[in-house]
Amino acid sequence: MKKILLVFALVATCYFSTQAQMKVNKFGYINSLELLAAMPESAVADQKIEDYGKALEQSYTKMVTVYQEEATKFEEMMNDSNVSDATKQVAYEEVMELQKKVGEFEASISEKMAKKREEHYTPIINKANEAIKAVAKANGYTYIFDTSVGCLVYADETDDVIALVKKQLGI
């Protein structure tokens, strides 16, 4: 029995000394969407994106107006017996070309808006990521999870590092 207790004590001592030498992981979490919303650069980017969207909308409205005017003229031309078939054919092709351009522009609006968002938000996201890394290193965090993407089920409120990252960014 003494041998079993001695072996158990020896194993326990080895186990606990090994555990004491292992690095302790420190976990934190942040809501990156909340952080981005708090950054002043986001408001500027949002305004620029909104202005760009309005400009695209104005261009689209002008194109549609021109197309509708040309389509109306074409309909009137089709009812005019004094206009030759060749002229009607040319007018038809012009209206179809305008319709095609309007459709292509409409289809490209989402892509253009996505590119504009990426153009303005990439530097902001990079700045936020650098601040998160700096806070993690300065405060000994091994991992920081982003709750805005739903990858964390539970977190102790005391480990929310958003206040530290905002401080790092000066906001």
N, C-alpha and C. Protein backbone atom coordinates (compact mmCIF):
# COMPACT_ATOMS: atom_id res chain seq x y z
N MET A 1 0.81 -1.18 0.00
CA MET A 1 0.00 0.00 0.00
C MET A 1 0.87 1.26 0.00
N LYS A 2 1.97 1.22 0.77
CA LYS A 2 2.88 2.35 0.81
C LYS A 2 3.50 2.59 -0.55
N LYS A 3 3.78 1.52 -1.29
CA LYS A 3 4.38 1.65 -2.62
C LYS A 3 3.39 2.31 -3.58
N ILE A 4 2.13 1.95 -3.45
CA ILE A 4 1.10 2.54 -4.33
C ILE A 4 0.97 4.03 -4.03
N LEU A 5 0.95 4.39 -2.75
CA LEU A 5 0.86 5.79 -2.37
C LEU A 5 2.10 6.56 -2.82
N LEU A 6 3.27 5.93 -2.72
CA LEU A 6 4.50 6.57 -3.16
C LEU A 6 4.49 6.81 -4.67
N VAL A 7 4.06 5.80 -5.43
CA VAL A 7 3.97 5.94 -6.89
C VAL A 7 2.95 7.01 -7.25
N PHE A 8 1.81 6.99 -6.58
CA PHE A 8 0.77 7.99 -6.83
C PHE A 8 1.29 9.39 -6.53
N ALA A 9 1.98 9.57 -5.43
CA ALA A 9 2.54 10.87 -5.05
C ALA A 9 3.58 11.32 -6.06
N LEU A 10 4.41 10.39 -6.53
CA LEU A 10 5.43 10.70 -7.52
C LEU A 10 4.78 11.13 -8.85
N VAL A 11 3.79 10.40 -9.29
CA VAL A 11 3.09 10.73 -10.53
C VAL A 11 2.39 12.08 -10.39
N ALA A 12 1.73 12.32 -9.26
CA ALA A 12 1.03 13.58 -9.03
C ALA A 12 2.02 14.74 -9.03
N THR A 13 3.16 14.56 -8.41
CA THR A 13 4.17 15.61 -8.37
C THR A 13 4.68 15.93 -9.77
N CYS A 14 4.95 14.91 -10.55
CA CYS A 14 5.40 15.13 -11.94
C CYS A 14 4.33 15.83 -12.76
N TYR A 15 3.10 15.39 -12.60
CA TYR A 15 1.99 15.97 -13.36
C TYR A 15 1.83 17.44 -13.03
N PHE A 16 1.78 17.79 -11.75
CA PHE A 16 1.56 19.18 -11.36
C PHE A 16 2.75 20.07 -11.71
N SER A 17 3.96 19.54 -11.65
CA SER A 17 5.11 20.36 -12.03
C SER A 17 5.11 20.61 -13.54
N THR A 18 4.66 19.63 -14.32
CA THR A 18 4.55 19.81 -15.77
C THR A 18 3.48 20.84 -16.08
N GLN A 19 2.35 20.75 -15.39
CA GLN A 19 1.25 21.70 -15.62
C GLN A 19 1.68 23.12 -15.26
N ALA A 20 2.47 23.27 -14.22
CA ALA A 20 2.91 24.60 -13.80
C ALA A 20 3.84 25.22 -14.83
N GLN A 21 4.58 24.38 -15.57
CA GLN A 21 5.52 24.89 -16.56
C GLN A 21 4.82 25.23 -17.88
N MET A 22 3.65 24.67 -18.11
CA MET A 22 2.94 24.92 -19.37
C MET A 22 2.42 26.35 -19.39
N LYS A 23 2.36 26.91 -20.57
CA LYS A 23 1.87 28.27 -20.75
C LYS A 23 0.37 28.30 -20.49
N VAL A 24 -0.08 29.28 -19.75
CA VAL A 24 -1.50 29.45 -19.47
C VAL A 24 -2.08 30.32 -20.59
N ASN A 25 -3.12 29.81 -21.20
CA ASN A 25 -3.78 30.56 -22.27
C ASN A 25 -4.75 31.56 -21.69
N LYS A 26 -4.73 32.75 -22.24
CA LYS A 26 -5.66 33.79 -21.82
C LYS A 26 -6.55 34.11 -23.02
N PHE A 27 -7.84 34.03 -22.81
CA PHE A 27 -8.79 34.23 -23.90
C PHE A 27 -9.52 35.56 -23.71
N GLY A 28 -9.83 36.20 -24.82
CA GLY A 28 -10.63 37.41 -24.80
C GLY A 28 -11.58 37.38 -25.98
N TYR A 29 -12.52 38.29 -25.98
CA TYR A 29 -13.43 38.36 -27.12
C TYR A 29 -13.74 39.81 -27.43
N ILE A 30 -14.20 40.02 -28.65
CA ILE A 30 -14.53 41.36 -29.11
C ILE A 30 -15.63 41.24 -30.16
N ASN A 31 -16.44 42.25 -30.25
CA ASN A 31 -17.43 42.33 -31.32
C ASN A 31 -16.86 43.30 -32.35
N SER A 32 -16.33 42.77 -33.43
CA SER A 32 -15.64 43.61 -34.42
C SER A 32 -16.59 44.58 -35.11
N LEU A 33 -17.86 44.22 -35.24
CA LEU A 33 -18.83 45.15 -35.85
C LEU A 33 -19.05 46.37 -34.95
N GLU A 34 -19.08 46.14 -33.65
CA GLU A 34 -19.21 47.24 -32.71
C GLU A 34 -17.97 48.14 -32.77
N LEU A 35 -16.81 47.51 -32.86
CA LEU A 35 -15.57 48.27 -32.96
C LEU A 35 -15.54 49.12 -34.23
N LEU A 36 -15.88 48.51 -35.36
CA LEU A 36 -15.89 49.25 -36.62
C LEU A 36 -16.87 50.41 -36.57
N ALA A 37 -18.03 50.19 -35.97
CA ALA A 37 -19.02 51.26 -35.86
C ALA A 37 -18.52 52.41 -35.00
N ALA A 38 -17.66 52.12 -34.04
CA ALA A 38 -17.13 53.15 -33.15
C ALA A 38 -15.97 53.93 -33.76
N MET A 39 -15.38 53.39 -34.80
CA MET A 39 -14.23 54.06 -35.42
C MET A 39 -14.72 55.21 -36.30
N PRO A 40 -14.18 56.42 -36.12
CA PRO A 40 -14.63 57.57 -36.92
C PRO A 40 -14.41 57.38 -38.42
N GLU A 41 -13.42 56.59 -38.78
CA GLU A 41 -13.16 56.34 -40.20
C GLU A 41 -14.34 55.64 -40.88
N SER A 42 -15.09 54.86 -40.10
CA SER A 42 -16.23 54.15 -40.67
C SER A 42 -17.32 55.11 -41.11
N ALA A 43 -17.56 56.15 -40.32
CA ALA A 43 -18.58 57.14 -40.69
C ALA A 43 -18.19 57.85 -41.98
N VAL A 44 -16.91 58.17 -42.11
CA VAL A 44 -16.42 58.82 -43.33
C VAL A 44 -16.57 57.87 -44.52
N ALA A 45 -16.20 56.61 -44.33
CA ALA A 45 -16.31 55.62 -45.40
C ALA A 45 -17.77 55.42 -45.79
N ASP A 46 -18.65 55.32 -44.80
CA ASP A 46 -20.07 55.14 -45.09
C ASP A 46 -20.62 56.30 -45.91
N GLN A 47 -20.21 57.52 -45.57
CA GLN A 47 -20.67 58.69 -46.32
C GLN A 47 -20.18 58.66 -47.77
N LYS A 48 -18.92 58.29 -47.95
CA LYS A 48 -18.36 58.22 -49.30
C LYS A 48 -19.08 57.13 -50.12
N ILE A 49 -19.35 56.01 -49.47
CA ILE A 49 -20.05 54.92 -50.17
C ILE A 49 -21.47 55.34 -50.52
N GLU A 50 -22.13 56.03 -49.59
CA GLU A 50 -23.49 56.52 -49.84
C GLU A 50 -23.50 57.52 -51.00
N ASP A 51 -22.54 58.44 -51.00
CA ASP A 51 -22.44 59.43 -52.09
C ASP A 51 -22.21 58.73 -53.42
N TYR A 52 -21.35 57.74 -53.42
CA TYR A 52 -21.07 56.97 -54.64
C TYR A 52 -22.34 56.27 -55.13
N GLY A 53 -23.08 55.70 -54.19
CA GLY A 53 -24.33 55.03 -54.54
C GLY A 53 -25.34 55.99 -55.15
N LYS A 54 -25.41 57.19 -54.58
CA LYS A 54 -26.32 58.21 -55.13
C LYS A 54 -25.90 58.61 -56.53
N ALA A 55 -24.60 58.74 -56.76
CA ALA A 55 -24.10 59.09 -58.09
C ALA A 55 -24.44 57.99 -59.10
N LEU A 56 -24.28 56.74 -58.68
CA LEU A 56 -24.65 55.63 -59.57
C LEU A 56 -26.14 55.66 -59.87
N GLU A 57 -26.93 55.93 -58.84
CA GLU A 57 -28.38 55.98 -59.02
C GLU A 57 -28.77 57.09 -59.99
N GLN A 58 -28.12 58.25 -59.87
CA GLN A 58 -28.40 59.36 -60.79
C GLN A 58 -28.03 58.98 -62.22
N SER A 59 -26.89 58.34 -62.39
CA SER A 59 -26.48 57.91 -63.73
C SER A 59 -27.47 56.91 -64.30
N TYR A 60 -27.91 55.99 -63.45
CA TYR A 60 -28.87 54.98 -63.90
C TYR A 60 -30.19 55.64 -64.29
N THR A 61 -30.65 56.58 -63.49
CA THR A 61 -31.91 57.28 -63.78
C THR A 61 -31.81 58.02 -65.11
N LYS A 62 -30.68 58.68 -65.35
CA LYS A 62 -30.48 59.39 -66.63
C LYS A 62 -30.51 58.42 -67.80
N MET A 63 -29.84 57.27 -67.63
CA MET A 63 -29.82 56.28 -68.71
C MET A 63 -31.23 55.77 -69.01
N VAL A 64 -32.00 55.50 -67.96
CA VAL A 64 -33.36 55.00 -68.14
C VAL A 64 -34.22 56.06 -68.82
N THR A 65 -34.05 57.31 -68.42
CA THR A 65 -34.81 58.41 -69.03
C THR A 65 -34.50 58.51 -70.52
N VAL A 66 -33.23 58.47 -70.87
CA VAL A 66 -32.83 58.53 -72.29
C VAL A 66 -33.42 57.34 -73.04
N TYR A 67 -33.33 56.16 -72.44
CA TYR A 67 -33.87 54.96 -73.08
C TYR A 67 -35.38 55.11 -73.30
N GLN A 68 -36.11 55.58 -72.29
CA GLN A 68 -37.56 55.73 -72.42
C GLN A 68 -37.93 56.75 -73.50
N GLU A 69 -37.17 57.84 -73.56
CA GLU A 69 -37.41 58.85 -74.60
C GLU A 69 -37.19 58.26 -75.98
N GLU A 70 -36.10 57.53 -76.14
CA GLU A 70 -35.80 56.92 -77.44
C GLU A 70 -36.82 55.84 -77.79
N ALA A 71 -37.27 55.09 -76.80
CA ALA A 71 -38.28 54.06 -77.05
C ALA A 71 -39.59 54.70 -77.49
N THR A 72 -39.94 55.82 -76.88
CA THR A 72 -41.16 56.54 -77.27
C THR A 72 -41.04 57.06 -78.70
N LYS A 73 -39.90 57.64 -79.02
CA LYS A 73 -39.66 58.12 -80.40
C LYS A 73 -39.75 56.96 -81.39
N PHE A 74 -39.18 55.84 -81.00
CA PHE A 74 -39.20 54.67 -81.88
C PHE A 74 -40.64 54.20 -82.12
N GLU A 75 -41.46 54.16 -81.07
CA GLU A 75 -42.86 53.76 -81.23
C GLU A 75 -43.60 54.69 -82.17
N GLU A 76 -43.33 55.99 -82.01
CA GLU A 76 -43.96 56.97 -82.91
C GLU A 76 -43.50 56.75 -84.35
N MET A 77 -42.22 56.44 -84.51
CA MET A 77 -41.67 56.21 -85.84
C MET A 77 -42.29 54.97 -86.47
N MET A 78 -42.54 53.97 -85.68
CA MET A 78 -43.12 52.73 -86.20
C MET A 78 -44.53 52.96 -86.73
N ASN A 79 -45.24 53.93 -86.18
CA ASN A 79 -46.61 54.24 -86.62
C ASN A 79 -46.64 55.22 -87.79
N ASP A 80 -45.48 55.76 -88.14
CA ASP A 80 -45.40 56.73 -89.24
C ASP A 80 -45.13 55.98 -90.55
N SER A 81 -46.05 56.06 -91.46
CA SER A 81 -45.89 55.34 -92.74
C SER A 81 -44.89 56.02 -93.67
N ASN A 82 -44.50 57.24 -93.38
CA ASN A 82 -43.53 57.95 -94.22
C ASN A 82 -42.08 57.56 -93.93
N VAL A 83 -41.85 56.82 -92.87
CA VAL A 83 -40.49 56.42 -92.50
C VAL A 83 -40.18 55.08 -93.16
N SER A 84 -39.01 55.00 -93.78
CA SER A 84 -38.63 53.77 -94.49
C SER A 84 -38.33 52.63 -93.52
N ASP A 85 -38.41 51.43 -94.04
CA ASP A 85 -38.11 50.25 -93.22
C ASP A 85 -36.65 50.26 -92.76
N ALA A 86 -35.77 50.74 -93.60
CA ALA A 86 -34.35 50.79 -93.25
C ALA A 86 -34.12 51.73 -92.06
N THR A 87 -34.78 52.87 -92.06
CA THR A 87 -34.67 53.83 -90.96
C THR A 87 -35.24 53.23 -89.68
N LYS A 88 -36.38 52.53 -89.83
CA LYS A 88 -36.99 51.88 -88.67
C LYS A 88 -36.05 50.82 -88.09
N GLN A 89 -35.37 50.09 -88.96
CA GLN A 89 -34.44 49.05 -88.51
C GLN A 89 -33.27 49.66 -87.73
N VAL A 90 -32.73 50.77 -88.25
CA VAL A 90 -31.62 51.45 -87.57
C VAL A 90 -32.08 51.96 -86.21
N ALA A 91 -33.25 52.55 -86.15
CA ALA A 91 -33.79 53.07 -84.90
C ALA A 91 -34.02 51.93 -83.90
N TYR A 92 -34.52 50.80 -84.40
CA TYR A 92 -34.75 49.64 -83.55
C TYR A 92 -33.43 49.16 -82.94
N GLU A 93 -32.39 49.07 -83.74
CA GLU A 93 -31.08 48.62 -83.25
C GLU A 93 -30.52 49.60 -82.21
N GLU A 94 -30.74 50.90 -82.43
CA GLU A 94 -30.27 51.89 -81.46
C GLU A 94 -31.00 51.75 -80.12
N VAL A 95 -32.31 51.54 -80.18
CA VAL A 95 -33.09 51.36 -78.95
C VAL A 95 -32.66 50.09 -78.23
N MET A 96 -32.43 49.02 -78.97
CA MET A 96 -31.99 47.77 -78.37
C MET A 96 -30.61 47.92 -77.73
N GLU A 97 -29.73 48.69 -78.35
CA GLU A 97 -28.40 48.93 -77.80
C GLU A 97 -28.51 49.73 -76.50
N LEU A 98 -29.39 50.74 -76.48
CA LEU A 98 -29.60 51.50 -75.25
C LEU A 98 -30.16 50.60 -74.14
N GLN A 99 -31.11 49.74 -74.51
CA GLN A 99 -31.69 48.83 -73.53
C GLN A 99 -30.61 47.89 -72.97
N LYS A 100 -29.74 47.43 -73.82
CA LYS A 100 -28.65 46.56 -73.39
C LYS A 100 -27.72 47.29 -72.42
N LYS A 101 -27.37 48.54 -72.74
CA LYS A 101 -26.50 49.33 -71.87
C LYS A 101 -27.14 49.58 -70.51
N VAL A 102 -28.42 49.86 -70.50
CA VAL A 102 -29.13 50.08 -69.24
C VAL A 102 -29.10 48.80 -68.41
N GLY A 103 -29.35 47.68 -69.04
CA GLY A 103 -29.33 46.39 -68.34
C GLY A 103 -27.96 46.05 -67.79
N GLU A 104 -26.93 46.29 -68.58
CA GLU A 104 -25.56 46.01 -68.13
C GLU A 104 -25.17 46.92 -66.96
N PHE A 105 -25.57 48.19 -67.06
CA PHE A 105 -25.25 49.12 -65.98
C PHE A 105 -25.97 48.71 -64.70
N GLU A 106 -27.24 48.36 -64.83
CA GLU A 106 -28.02 47.92 -63.67
C GLU A 106 -27.40 46.69 -63.03
N ALA A 107 -26.95 45.75 -63.85
CA ALA A 107 -26.33 44.53 -63.33
C ALA A 107 -24.99 44.81 -62.65
N SER A 108 -24.30 45.85 -63.07
CA SER A 108 -22.98 46.14 -62.51
C SER A 108 -23.02 46.99 -61.24
N ILE A 109 -24.18 47.53 -60.90
CA ILE A 109 -24.26 48.42 -59.74
C ILE A 109 -23.84 47.71 -58.45
N SER A 110 -24.33 46.51 -58.22
CA SER A 110 -23.99 45.78 -56.99
C SER A 110 -22.49 45.52 -56.92
N GLU A 111 -21.91 45.14 -58.04
CA GLU A 111 -20.48 44.87 -58.08
C GLU A 111 -19.68 46.15 -57.80
N LYS A 112 -20.10 47.25 -58.40
CA LYS A 112 -19.41 48.52 -58.18
C LYS A 112 -19.51 48.97 -56.72
N MET A 113 -20.68 48.77 -56.12
CA MET A 113 -20.85 49.14 -54.71
C MET A 113 -19.98 48.26 -53.81
N ALA A 114 -19.91 46.98 -54.12
CA ALA A 114 -19.07 46.07 -53.32
C ALA A 114 -17.60 46.46 -53.42
N LYS A 115 -17.15 46.82 -54.60
CA LYS A 115 -15.76 47.26 -54.77
C LYS A 115 -15.49 48.54 -53.99
N LYS A 116 -16.45 49.46 -54.01
CA LYS A 116 -16.28 50.72 -53.29
C LYS A 116 -16.23 50.47 -51.78
N ARG A 117 -17.10 49.56 -51.28
CA ARG A 117 -17.07 49.22 -49.85
C ARG A 117 -15.71 48.62 -49.49
N GLU A 118 -15.25 47.71 -50.31
CA GLU A 118 -13.95 47.07 -50.05
C GLU A 118 -12.83 48.10 -50.06
N GLU A 119 -12.86 48.99 -51.02
CA GLU A 119 -11.84 50.03 -51.16
C GLU A 119 -11.76 50.90 -49.90
N HIS A 120 -12.92 51.25 -49.34
CA HIS A 120 -12.94 52.14 -48.18
C HIS A 120 -12.78 51.40 -46.85
N TYR A 121 -13.25 50.16 -46.78
CA TYR A 121 -13.20 49.46 -45.49
C TYR A 121 -11.94 48.63 -45.27
N THR A 122 -11.22 48.26 -46.30
CA THR A 122 -10.01 47.46 -46.12
C THR A 122 -9.00 48.15 -45.21
N PRO A 123 -8.70 49.43 -45.41
CA PRO A 123 -7.75 50.07 -44.49
C PRO A 123 -8.28 50.17 -43.05
N ILE A 124 -9.58 50.36 -42.90
CA ILE A 124 -10.17 50.46 -41.57
C ILE A 124 -10.09 49.11 -40.86
N ILE A 125 -10.41 48.05 -41.57
CA ILE A 125 -10.35 46.71 -41.00
C ILE A 125 -8.91 46.36 -40.63
N ASN A 126 -7.98 46.72 -41.50
CA ASN A 126 -6.56 46.46 -41.21
C ASN A 126 -6.12 47.21 -39.95
N LYS A 127 -6.55 48.46 -39.80
CA LYS A 127 -6.19 49.24 -38.62
C LYS A 127 -6.78 48.60 -37.36
N ALA A 128 -8.02 48.16 -37.44
CA ALA A 128 -8.67 47.51 -36.29
C ALA A 128 -7.94 46.21 -35.94
N ASN A 129 -7.58 45.43 -36.95
CA ASN A 129 -6.87 44.17 -36.69
C ASN A 129 -5.51 44.42 -36.04
N GLU A 130 -4.81 45.44 -36.48
CA GLU A 130 -3.51 45.78 -35.88
C GLU A 130 -3.69 46.20 -34.43
N ALA A 131 -4.75 46.96 -34.15
CA ALA A 131 -5.01 47.38 -32.77
C ALA A 131 -5.36 46.18 -31.89
N ILE A 132 -6.13 45.26 -32.43
CA ILE A 132 -6.48 44.04 -31.68
C ILE A 132 -5.22 43.24 -31.37
N LYS A 133 -4.36 43.09 -32.36
CA LYS A 133 -3.10 42.37 -32.14
C LYS A 133 -2.25 43.06 -31.08
N ALA A 134 -2.17 44.38 -31.13
CA ALA A 134 -1.37 45.14 -30.15
C ALA A 134 -1.93 44.96 -28.74
N VAL A 135 -3.24 45.01 -28.61
CA VAL A 135 -3.88 44.82 -27.30
C VAL A 135 -3.64 43.40 -26.81
N ALA A 136 -3.76 42.44 -27.70
CA ALA A 136 -3.55 41.03 -27.32
C ALA A 136 -2.14 40.83 -26.80
N LYS A 137 -1.16 41.36 -27.51
CA LYS A 137 0.23 41.20 -27.08
C LYS A 137 0.51 41.95 -25.79
N ALA A 138 0.01 43.17 -25.68
CA ALA A 138 0.28 43.98 -24.50
C ALA A 138 -0.38 43.43 -23.24
N ASN A 139 -1.50 42.72 -23.40
CA ASN A 139 -2.25 42.24 -22.25
C ASN A 139 -2.17 40.73 -22.06
N GLY A 140 -1.31 40.08 -22.83
CA GLY A 140 -1.07 38.66 -22.65
C GLY A 140 -2.18 37.73 -23.11
N TYR A 141 -3.00 38.18 -24.05
CA TYR A 141 -4.06 37.31 -24.56
C TYR A 141 -3.48 36.33 -25.56
N THR A 142 -3.85 35.08 -25.41
CA THR A 142 -3.44 34.06 -26.36
C THR A 142 -4.41 34.02 -27.53
N TYR A 143 -5.68 34.16 -27.23
CA TYR A 143 -6.73 34.14 -28.27
C TYR A 143 -7.74 35.23 -27.99
N ILE A 144 -8.23 35.85 -29.04
CA ILE A 144 -9.35 36.78 -28.94
C ILE A 144 -10.36 36.35 -30.00
N PHE A 145 -11.55 36.09 -29.55
CA PHE A 145 -12.59 35.63 -30.45
C PHE A 145 -13.48 36.79 -30.88
N ASP A 146 -14.01 36.71 -32.08
CA ASP A 146 -14.91 37.72 -32.61
C ASP A 146 -16.34 37.24 -32.45
N THR A 147 -17.09 37.86 -31.57
CA THR A 147 -18.47 37.43 -31.31
C THR A 147 -19.42 37.84 -32.42
N SER A 148 -19.03 38.76 -33.28
CA SER A 148 -19.93 39.21 -34.34
C SER A 148 -20.14 38.15 -35.42
N VAL A 149 -19.26 37.16 -35.47
CA VAL A 149 -19.43 36.09 -36.46
C VAL A 149 -19.95 34.82 -35.82
N GLY A 150 -20.33 34.91 -34.55
CA GLY A 150 -20.98 33.80 -33.88
C GLY A 150 -20.11 32.60 -33.59
N CYS A 151 -18.82 32.81 -33.37
CA CYS A 151 -17.94 31.68 -33.12
C CYS A 151 -17.71 31.45 -31.62
N LEU A 152 -18.48 32.11 -30.76
CA LEU A 152 -18.29 31.97 -29.33
C LEU A 152 -19.65 31.73 -28.68
N VAL A 153 -19.72 30.69 -27.88
CA VAL A 153 -20.98 30.36 -27.23
C VAL A 153 -21.10 31.06 -25.89
N TYR A 154 -20.02 31.15 -25.14
CA TYR A 154 -20.04 31.77 -23.83
C TYR A 154 -18.75 32.56 -23.63
N ALA A 155 -18.90 33.69 -22.97
CA ALA A 155 -17.72 34.48 -22.62
C ALA A 155 -18.00 35.25 -21.35
N ASP A 156 -17.03 35.29 -20.48
CA ASP A 156 -17.13 36.07 -19.25
C ASP A 156 -17.00 37.54 -19.64
N GLU A 157 -17.91 38.36 -19.17
CA GLU A 157 -17.92 39.78 -19.52
C GLU A 157 -16.59 40.47 -19.22
N THR A 158 -15.86 39.98 -18.25
CA THR A 158 -14.61 40.63 -17.86
C THR A 158 -13.53 40.49 -18.92
N ASP A 159 -13.71 39.60 -19.89
CA ASP A 159 -12.70 39.40 -20.92
C ASP A 159 -13.00 40.15 -22.22
N ASP A 160 -14.02 41.00 -22.22
CA ASP A 160 -14.34 41.79 -23.41
C ASP A 160 -13.25 42.85 -23.57
N VAL A 161 -12.51 42.80 -24.64
CA VAL A 161 -11.36 43.70 -24.83
C VAL A 161 -11.70 44.92 -25.69
N ILE A 162 -12.98 45.15 -25.99
CA ILE A 162 -13.31 46.28 -26.86
C ILE A 162 -12.88 47.61 -26.25
N ALA A 163 -13.01 47.77 -24.94
CA ALA A 163 -12.58 49.02 -24.30
C ALA A 163 -11.08 49.23 -24.47
N LEU A 164 -10.31 48.17 -24.36
CA LEU A 164 -8.85 48.27 -24.52
C LEU A 164 -8.49 48.62 -25.96
N VAL A 165 -9.21 48.03 -26.93
CA VAL A 165 -8.91 48.30 -28.34
C VAL A 165 -9.33 49.71 -28.70
N LYS A 166 -10.47 50.16 -28.19
CA LYS A 166 -10.89 51.55 -28.43
C LYS A 166 -9.85 52.50 -27.87
N LYS A 167 -9.33 52.21 -26.68
CA LYS A 167 -8.30 53.04 -26.07
C LYS A 167 -7.06 53.05 -26.95
N GLN A 168 -6.69 51.88 -27.47
CA GLN A 168 -5.53 51.77 -28.36
C GLN A 168 -5.71 52.65 -29.60
N LEU A 169 -6.96 52.74 -30.09
CA LEU A 169 -7.25 53.53 -31.27
C LEU A 169 -7.50 55.01 -30.94
N GLY A 170 -7.61 55.30 -29.65
CA GLY A 170 -7.85 56.67 -29.25
C GLY A 170 -9.31 57.08 -29.41
N ILE A 171 -10.22 56.13 -29.31
CA ILE A 171 -11.65 56.46 -29.44
C ILE A 171 -12.40 56.05 -28.19
